[in-house]
Amino acid sequence: MNLVWESVRMGVCRKCIDGDTRGECRLPNNEICPLKIYFQEVSEIITVANSHSMETIARAVRSSVCPRCLYGTSEHCRKRDTLECALERYMPTIVERVAGMKMMTHL
Protein backbone atom coordinates (compact mmCIF):
# COMPACT_ATOMS: atom_id res chain seq x y z
CA MET A 1 0.00 0.00 0.00
CA ASN A 2 2.91 2.37 0.53
CA LEU A 3 3.60 2.65 -3.21
CA VAL A 4 -0.05 3.47 -3.90
CA TRP A 5 -0.16 6.06 -1.10
CA GLU A 6 3.09 7.62 -2.31
CA SER A 7 1.72 7.87 -5.84
CA VAL A 8 -1.42 9.59 -4.58
CA ARG A 9 0.55 11.81 -2.21
CA MET A 10 2.84 12.94 -5.02
CA GLY A 11 -0.05 13.46 -7.45
CA VAL A 12 -2.52 15.05 -5.04
CA CYS A 13 -0.83 16.39 -1.92
CA ARG A 14 1.88 18.20 -3.86
CA LYS A 15 -0.82 20.10 -5.75
CA CYS A 16 -3.34 20.46 -2.94
CA ILE A 17 -4.16 23.98 -1.84
CA ASP A 18 -3.60 22.78 1.74
CA GLY A 19 -0.23 21.20 0.95
CA ASP A 20 3.25 22.23 0.07
CA THR A 21 5.03 21.37 -3.14
CA ARG A 22 6.71 18.38 -1.47
CA GLY A 23 3.48 16.55 -0.64
CA GLU A 24 3.29 17.54 3.02
CA CYS A 25 -0.02 18.72 4.47
CA ARG A 26 -0.26 22.23 5.88
CA LEU A 27 -3.74 22.01 7.36
CA PRO A 28 -4.10 23.65 10.77
CA ASN A 29 -3.41 21.33 13.71
CA ASN A 30 -7.12 21.13 14.55
CA GLU A 31 -8.02 19.77 11.07
CA ILE A 32 -7.33 16.37 9.58
CA CYS A 33 -7.30 15.54 5.89
CA PRO A 34 -9.96 12.93 5.07
CA LEU A 35 -7.78 11.60 2.25
CA LYS A 36 -5.07 10.68 4.71
CA ILE A 37 -7.43 9.23 7.33
CA TYR A 38 -9.56 7.17 4.94
CA PHE A 39 -7.05 6.42 2.19
CA GLN A 40 -7.02 2.64 2.75
CA GLU A 41 -10.80 2.44 2.52
CA VAL A 42 -10.98 4.80 -0.47
CA SER A 43 -8.34 2.73 -2.25
CA GLU A 44 -10.34 -0.44 -1.64
CA ILE A 45 -13.55 1.20 -2.85
CA ILE A 46 -11.84 2.29 -6.07
CA THR A 47 -10.41 -1.19 -6.61
CA VAL A 48 -13.65 -3.05 -5.84
CA ALA A 49 -15.87 -0.61 -7.76
CA ASN A 50 -14.16 -1.68 -10.98
CA SER A 51 -15.93 1.22 -12.65
CA HIS A 52 -14.80 3.97 -14.95
CA SER A 53 -17.67 6.14 -13.75
CA MET A 54 -16.41 8.87 -11.44
CA GLU A 55 -19.95 9.39 -10.17
CA THR A 56 -20.27 5.72 -9.20
CA ILE A 57 -17.01 5.82 -7.28
CA ALA A 58 -17.84 9.17 -5.65
CA ARG A 59 -21.22 7.80 -4.49
CA ALA A 60 -19.52 4.72 -3.03
CA VAL A 61 -16.99 6.88 -1.16
CA ARG A 62 -19.71 9.19 0.12
CA SER A 63 -21.88 6.34 1.36
CA SER A 64 -19.00 4.53 3.06
CA VAL A 65 -16.58 7.21 4.26
CA CYS A 66 -18.59 10.40 4.72
CA PRO A 67 -20.90 9.10 7.49
CA ARG A 68 -17.85 8.52 9.70
CA CYS A 69 -16.08 11.75 8.79
CA LEU A 70 -15.82 14.55 11.33
CA TYR A 71 -16.96 17.18 8.85
CA GLY A 72 -20.32 15.96 7.54
CA THR A 73 -22.54 13.14 6.41
CA SER A 74 -23.17 11.34 3.14
CA GLU A 75 -26.07 13.74 2.45
CA HIS A 76 -24.54 17.04 3.51
CA CYS A 77 -21.01 18.21 4.12
CA ARG A 78 -19.88 21.81 4.41
CA LYS A 79 -16.36 20.89 3.29
CA ARG A 80 -17.54 18.80 0.35
CA ASP A 81 -20.07 21.44 -0.73
CA THR A 82 -17.35 24.11 -0.85
CA LEU A 83 -14.71 21.77 -2.34
CA GLU A 84 -12.61 22.03 0.82
CA CYS A 85 -12.55 18.22 1.09
CA ALA A 86 -9.49 16.75 -0.59
CA LEU A 87 -11.41 13.54 -1.33
CA GLU A 88 -14.01 15.48 -3.29
CA ARG A 89 -11.70 18.03 -4.87
CA TYR A 90 -9.12 15.55 -6.12
CA MET A 91 -11.26 12.45 -6.70
CA PRO A 92 -10.33 12.10 -10.41
CA THR A 93 -6.60 12.19 -9.63
CA ILE A 94 -7.01 9.84 -6.67
CA VAL A 95 -8.90 7.33 -8.83
CA GLU A 96 -6.36 7.61 -11.64
CA ARG A 97 -3.40 7.08 -9.30
CA VAL A 98 -4.93 4.21 -7.32
CA ALA A 99 -6.20 2.38 -10.41
CA GLY A 100 -2.89 2.89 -12.20
CA MET A 101 -0.82 1.58 -9.30
CA LYS A 102 -3.16 -1.39 -8.78
CA MET A 103 -2.78 -2.31 -12.46
CA MET A 104 1.01 -2.02 -12.27
CA THR A 105 1.21 -4.28 -9.22
CA HIS A 106 -0.91 -6.95 -10.95
CA LEU A 107 1.28 -7.17 -14.08
C-alpha atoms as a PDB file:
ATOM      1  CA  MET A   1       0.000   0.000   0.000  1.00  0.00           C
ATOM      2  CA  ASN A   2       2.912   2.366   0.531  1.00  0.00           C
ATOM      3  CA  LEU A   3       3.596   2.649  -3.209  1.00  0.00           C
ATOM      4  CA  VAL A   4      -0.050   3.467  -3.899  1.00  0.00           C
ATOM      5  CA  TRP A   5      -0.156   6.059  -1.098  1.00  0.00           C
ATOM      6  CA  GLU A   6       3.094   7.623  -2.308  1.00  0.00           C
ATOM      7  CA  SER A   7       1.721   7.866  -5.841  1.00  0.00           C
ATOM      8  CA  VAL A   8      -1.419   9.595  -4.584  1.00  0.00           C
ATOM      9  CA  ARG A   9       0.547  11.813  -2.214  1.00  0.00           C
ATOM     10  CA  MET A  10       2.837  12.939  -5.019  1.00  0.00           C
ATOM     11  CA  GLY A  11      -0.052  13.459  -7.446  1.00  0.00           C
ATOM     12  CA  VAL A  12      -2.521  15.048  -5.043  1.00  0.00           C
ATOM     13  CA  CYS A  13      -0.834  16.386  -1.923  1.00  0.00           C
ATOM     14  CA  ARG A  14       1.881  18.200  -3.856  1.00  0.00           C
ATOM     15  CA  LYS A  15      -0.818  20.105  -5.753  1.00  0.00           C
ATOM     16  CA  CYS A  16      -3.338  20.456  -2.940  1.00  0.00           C
ATOM     17  CA  ILE A  17      -4.165  23.976  -1.841  1.00  0.00           C
ATOM     18  CA  ASP A  18      -3.601  22.777   1.738  1.00  0.00           C
ATOM     19  CA  GLY A  19      -0.228  21.200   0.949  1.00  0.00           C
ATOM     20  CA  ASP A  20       3.251  22.232   0.067  1.00  0.00           C
ATOM     21  CA  THR A  21       5.025  21.369  -3.145  1.00  0.00           C
ATOM     22  CA  ARG A  22       6.714  18.381  -1.474  1.00  0.00           C
ATOM     23  CA  GLY A  23       3.478  16.550  -0.636  1.00  0.00           C
ATOM     24  CA  GLU A  24       3.285  17.539   3.018  1.00  0.00           C
ATOM     25  CA  CYS A  25      -0.015  18.716   4.467  1.00  0.00           C
ATOM     26  CA  ARG A  26      -0.255  22.229   5.878  1.00  0.00           C
ATOM     27  CA  LEU A  27      -3.737  22.006   7.357  1.00  0.00           C
ATOM     28  CA  PRO A  28      -4.101  23.654  10.773  1.00  0.00           C
ATOM     29  CA  ASN A  29      -3.411  21.329  13.715  1.00  0.00           C
ATOM     30  CA  ASN A  30      -7.124  21.132  14.546  1.00  0.00           C
ATOM     31  CA  GLU A  31      -8.015  19.771  11.070  1.00  0.00           C
ATOM     32  CA  ILE A  32      -7.331  16.365   9.584  1.00  0.00           C
ATOM     33  CA  CYS A  33      -7.299  15.543   5.889  1.00  0.00           C
ATOM     34  CA  PRO A  34      -9.965  12.935   5.068  1.00  0.00           C
ATOM     35  CA  LEU A  35      -7.781  11.603   2.249  1.00  0.00           C
ATOM     36  CA  LYS A  36      -5.068  10.684   4.714  1.00  0.00           C
ATOM     37  CA  ILE A  37      -7.427   9.227   7.328  1.00  0.00           C
ATOM     38  CA  TYR A  38      -9.557   7.165   4.944  1.00  0.00           C
ATOM     39  CA  PHE A  39      -7.051   6.415   2.193  1.00  0.00           C
ATOM     40  CA  GLN A  40      -7.023   2.640   2.750  1.00  0.00           C
ATOM     41  CA  GLU A  41     -10.795   2.440   2.517  1.00  0.00           C
ATOM     42  CA  VAL A  42     -10.982   4.801  -0.473  1.00  0.00           C
ATOM     43  CA  SER A  43      -8.336   2.734  -2.247  1.00  0.00           C
ATOM     44  CA  GLU A  44     -10.339  -0.442  -1.635  1.00  0.00           C
ATOM     45  CA  ILE A  45     -13.554   1.202  -2.850  1.00  0.00           C
ATOM     46  CA  ILE A  46     -11.844   2.287  -6.067  1.00  0.00           C
ATOM     47  CA  THR A  47     -10.412  -1.190  -6.610  1.00  0.00           C
ATOM     48  CA  VAL A  48     -13.654  -3.047  -5.844  1.00  0.00           C
ATOM     49  CA  ALA A  49     -15.869  -0.614  -7.758  1.00  0.00           C
ATOM     50  CA  ASN A  50     -14.159  -1.683 -10.976  1.00  0.00           C
ATOM     51  CA  SER A  51     -15.928   1.217 -12.645  1.00  0.00           C
ATOM     52  CA  HIS A  52     -14.796   3.972 -14.952  1.00  0.00           C
ATOM     53  CA  SER A  53     -17.668   6.135 -13.754  1.00  0.00           C
ATOM     54  CA  MET A  54     -16.409   8.869 -11.444  1.00  0.00           C
ATOM     55  CA  GLU A  55     -19.952   9.395 -10.165  1.00  0.00           C
ATOM     56  CA  THR A  56     -20.272   5.716  -9.201  1.00  0.00           C
ATOM     57  CA  ILE A  57     -17.006   5.815  -7.284  1.00  0.00           C
ATOM     58  CA  ALA A  58     -17.842   9.171  -5.653  1.00  0.00           C
ATOM     59  CA  ARG A  59     -21.222   7.800  -4.488  1.00  0.00           C
ATOM     60  CA  ALA A  60     -19.518   4.722  -3.030  1.00  0.00           C
ATOM     61  CA  VAL A  61     -16.987   6.877  -1.163  1.00  0.00           C
ATOM     62  CA  ARG A  62     -19.708   9.186   0.119  1.00  0.00           C
ATOM     63  CA  SER A  63     -21.879   6.338   1.363  1.00  0.00           C
ATOM     64  CA  SER A  64     -19.000   4.532   3.063  1.00  0.00           C
ATOM     65  CA  VAL A  65     -16.582   7.207   4.263  1.00  0.00           C
ATOM     66  CA  CYS A  66     -18.594  10.397   4.722  1.00  0.00           C
ATOM     67  CA  PRO A  67     -20.905   9.102   7.490  1.00  0.00           C
ATOM     68  CA  ARG A  68     -17.854   8.523   9.697  1.00  0.00           C
ATOM     69  CA  CYS A  69     -16.077  11.751   8.795  1.00  0.00           C
ATOM     70  CA  LEU A  70     -15.825  14.555  11.331  1.00  0.00           C
ATOM     71  CA  TYR A  71     -16.964  17.185   8.848  1.00  0.00           C
ATOM     72  CA  GLY A  72     -20.317  15.963   7.544  1.00  0.00           C
ATOM     73  CA  THR A  73     -22.536  13.136   6.407  1.00  0.00           C
ATOM     74  CA  SER A  74     -23.166  11.337   3.136  1.00  0.00           C
ATOM     75  CA  GLU A  75     -26.067  13.736   2.446  1.00  0.00           C
ATOM     76  CA  HIS A  76     -24.539  17.044   3.507  1.00  0.00           C
ATOM     77  CA  CYS A  77     -21.009  18.206   4.125  1.00  0.00           C
ATOM     78  CA  ARG A  78     -19.879  21.809   4.411  1.00  0.00           C
ATOM     79  CA  LYS A  79     -16.360  20.893   3.294  1.00  0.00           C
ATOM     80  CA  ARG A  80     -17.540  18.803   0.350  1.00  0.00           C
ATOM     81  CA  ASP A  81     -20.072  21.437  -0.731  1.00  0.00           C
ATOM     82  CA  THR A  82     -17.354  24.106  -0.846  1.00  0.00           C
ATOM     83  CA  LEU A  83     -14.707  21.770  -2.336  1.00  0.00           C
ATOM     84  CA  GLU A  84     -12.608  22.031   0.824  1.00  0.00           C
ATOM     85  CA  CYS A  85     -12.553  18.220   1.091  1.00  0.00           C
ATOM     86  CA  ALA A  86      -9.491  16.745  -0.593  1.00  0.00           C
ATOM     87  CA  LEU A  87     -11.410  13.537  -1.331  1.00  0.00           C
ATOM     88  CA  GLU A  88     -14.011  15.478  -3.288  1.00  0.00           C
ATOM     89  CA  ARG A  89     -11.696  18.033  -4.874  1.00  0.00           C
ATOM     90  CA  TYR A  90      -9.119  15.552  -6.122  1.00  0.00           C
ATOM     91  CA  MET A  91     -11.256  12.449  -6.702  1.00  0.00           C
ATOM     92  CA  PRO A  92     -10.330  12.102 -10.407  1.00  0.00           C
ATOM     93  CA  THR A  93      -6.596  12.195  -9.628  1.00  0.00           C
ATOM     94  CA  ILE A  94      -7.008   9.835  -6.674  1.00  0.00           C
ATOM     95  CA  VAL A  95      -8.903   7.328  -8.831  1.00  0.00           C
ATOM     96  CA  GLU A  96      -6.357   7.613 -11.640  1.00  0.00           C
ATOM     97  CA  ARG A  97      -3.404   7.084  -9.298  1.00  0.00           C
ATOM     98  CA  VAL A  98      -4.934   4.206  -7.323  1.00  0.00           C
ATOM     99  CA  ALA A  99      -6.203   2.383 -10.408  1.00  0.00           C
ATOM    100  CA  GLY A 100      -2.886   2.890 -12.203  1.00  0.00           C
ATOM    101  CA  MET A 101      -0.821   1.575  -9.301  1.00  0.00           C
ATOM    102  CA  LYS A 102      -3.157  -1.394  -8.784  1.00  0.00           C
ATOM    103  CA  MET A 103      -2.782  -2.309 -12.460  1.00  0.00           C
ATOM    104  CA  MET A 104       1.006  -2.015 -12.268  1.00  0.00           C
ATOM    105  CA  THR A 105       1.205  -4.280  -9.224  1.00  0.00           C
ATOM    106  CA  HIS A 106      -0.913  -6.952 -10.954  1.00  0.00           C
ATOM    107  CA  LEU A 107       1.276  -7.175 -14.078  1.00  0.00           C
END
